[in-house]
């Protein structure tokens, strides 16, 4: 199994960790897609269970993980565009 480290996670929490990258909680995704125009991480995939039986706790944990990944990706975009209006941010 191969996971991809998330750059946006590091960048989103870097300031709150005194800009020390090694103090950041590392996040990994089972699948990751980047916008070809902006290189922003925008598509996150987590694989929780098999087809025959769902592992509900694992699925719930992965759902929360996806919410964190997506919100940190958005936070990273906002931090890169601090002077932008909300209308401009939502168009990215």
Protein backbone atom coordinates (compact mmCIF):
# COMPACT_ATOMS: atom_id res chain seq x y z
CA UNK A 1 0.00 0.00 0.00
CA UNK A 2 1.35 3.41 -0.91
CA UNK A 3 0.27 6.72 0.55
CA UNK A 4 1.12 10.24 -0.60
CA UNK A 5 2.24 12.91 1.86
CA UNK A 6 0.15 16.07 1.82
CA UNK A 7 1.98 19.37 1.32
CA UNK A 8 -1.09 21.45 2.17
CA UNK A 9 -1.30 19.89 5.64
CA UNK A 10 2.23 21.02 6.45
CA UNK A 11 1.68 24.50 5.06
CA UNK A 12 -1.68 24.98 6.82
CA UNK A 13 -0.32 24.22 10.30
CA UNK A 14 3.23 25.50 9.88
CA UNK A 15 2.56 28.89 11.47
CA UNK A 16 0.94 27.34 14.56
CA UNK A 17 4.03 25.12 14.98
CA UNK A 18 6.47 28.06 15.08
CA UNK A 19 7.39 27.41 11.44
CA UNK A 20 9.10 24.12 12.32
CA UNK A 21 8.15 21.59 9.64
CA UNK A 22 9.30 18.64 11.74
CA UNK A 23 6.76 19.61 14.45
CA UNK A 24 3.84 19.31 12.05
CA UNK A 25 1.51 16.33 12.27
CA UNK A 26 2.11 14.45 9.00
CA UNK A 27 -0.97 13.54 6.97
CA UNK A 28 -1.06 11.04 4.12
CA UNK A 29 -3.75 10.30 1.54
CA UNK A 30 -4.46 7.01 -0.20
CA UNK A 31 -4.93 9.02 -3.37
CA UNK A 32 -4.24 12.63 -4.27
CA UNK A 33 -5.12 14.84 -7.22
CA UNK A 34 -3.60 18.20 -8.06
CA UNK A 35 -5.10 20.98 -10.14
CA UNK A 36 -3.04 21.12 -13.34
CA UNK A 37 -3.45 24.90 -13.56
CA UNK A 38 -2.52 25.83 -9.98
CA UNK A 39 -0.76 22.72 -8.60
CA UNK A 40 -3.07 22.94 -5.57
CA UNK A 41 -3.95 19.65 -3.88
CA UNK A 42 -7.68 19.44 -4.52
CA UNK A 43 -8.74 15.80 -4.72
CA UNK A 44 -8.28 13.52 -1.72
CA UNK A 45 -9.04 9.78 -1.57
CA UNK A 46 -9.23 7.48 1.44
CA UNK A 47 -9.95 3.76 1.12
CA UNK A 48 -11.51 2.39 4.30
CA UNK A 49 -13.16 -0.96 3.79
CA UNK A 50 -13.59 -3.91 1.50
CA UNK A 51 -16.65 -4.68 -0.57
CA UNK A 52 -17.94 -7.52 1.59
CA UNK A 53 -17.90 -5.89 5.02
CA UNK A 54 -17.56 -2.26 6.01
CA UNK A 55 -15.34 -1.38 8.94
CA UNK A 56 -17.52 1.42 10.26
CA UNK A 57 -14.99 2.90 12.70
CA UNK A 58 -12.33 3.02 9.99
CA UNK A 59 -14.80 4.65 7.58
CA UNK A 60 -15.73 7.28 10.17
CA UNK A 61 -12.07 8.00 10.96
CA UNK A 62 -11.30 8.38 7.26
CA UNK A 63 -14.28 10.69 6.81
CA UNK A 64 -12.96 12.98 9.54
CA UNK A 65 -9.49 12.76 8.00
CA UNK A 66 -10.92 13.87 4.63
CA UNK A 67 -12.64 16.85 6.26
CA UNK A 68 -9.33 17.92 7.82
CA UNK A 69 -7.45 17.42 4.53
CA UNK A 70 -9.97 19.46 2.55
CA UNK A 71 -10.20 22.28 5.08
CA UNK A 72 -6.39 22.48 5.32
CA UNK A 73 -6.16 22.62 1.54
CA UNK A 74 -8.61 25.53 1.52
CA UNK A 75 -6.71 27.22 4.36
CA UNK A 76 -3.48 26.89 2.37
CA UNK A 77 -5.08 28.55 -0.67
CA UNK A 78 -6.42 31.36 1.52
CA UNK A 79 -2.99 31.90 3.11
CA UNK A 80 -1.41 32.14 -0.35
CA UNK A 81 -3.96 34.81 -1.33
CA UNK A 82 -4.41 36.86 1.84
CA UNK A 83 -5.60 39.99 0.03
CA UNK A 84 -8.16 38.20 -2.12
CA UNK A 85 -11.89 38.58 -1.61
CA UNK A 86 -14.04 35.57 -0.78
CA UNK A 87 -15.44 35.73 -4.34
CA UNK A 88 -11.94 35.43 -5.80
CA UNK A 89 -10.99 32.57 -3.46
CA UNK A 90 -14.07 30.54 -4.37
CA UNK A 91 -13.23 30.85 -8.08
CA UNK A 92 -9.81 29.22 -7.63
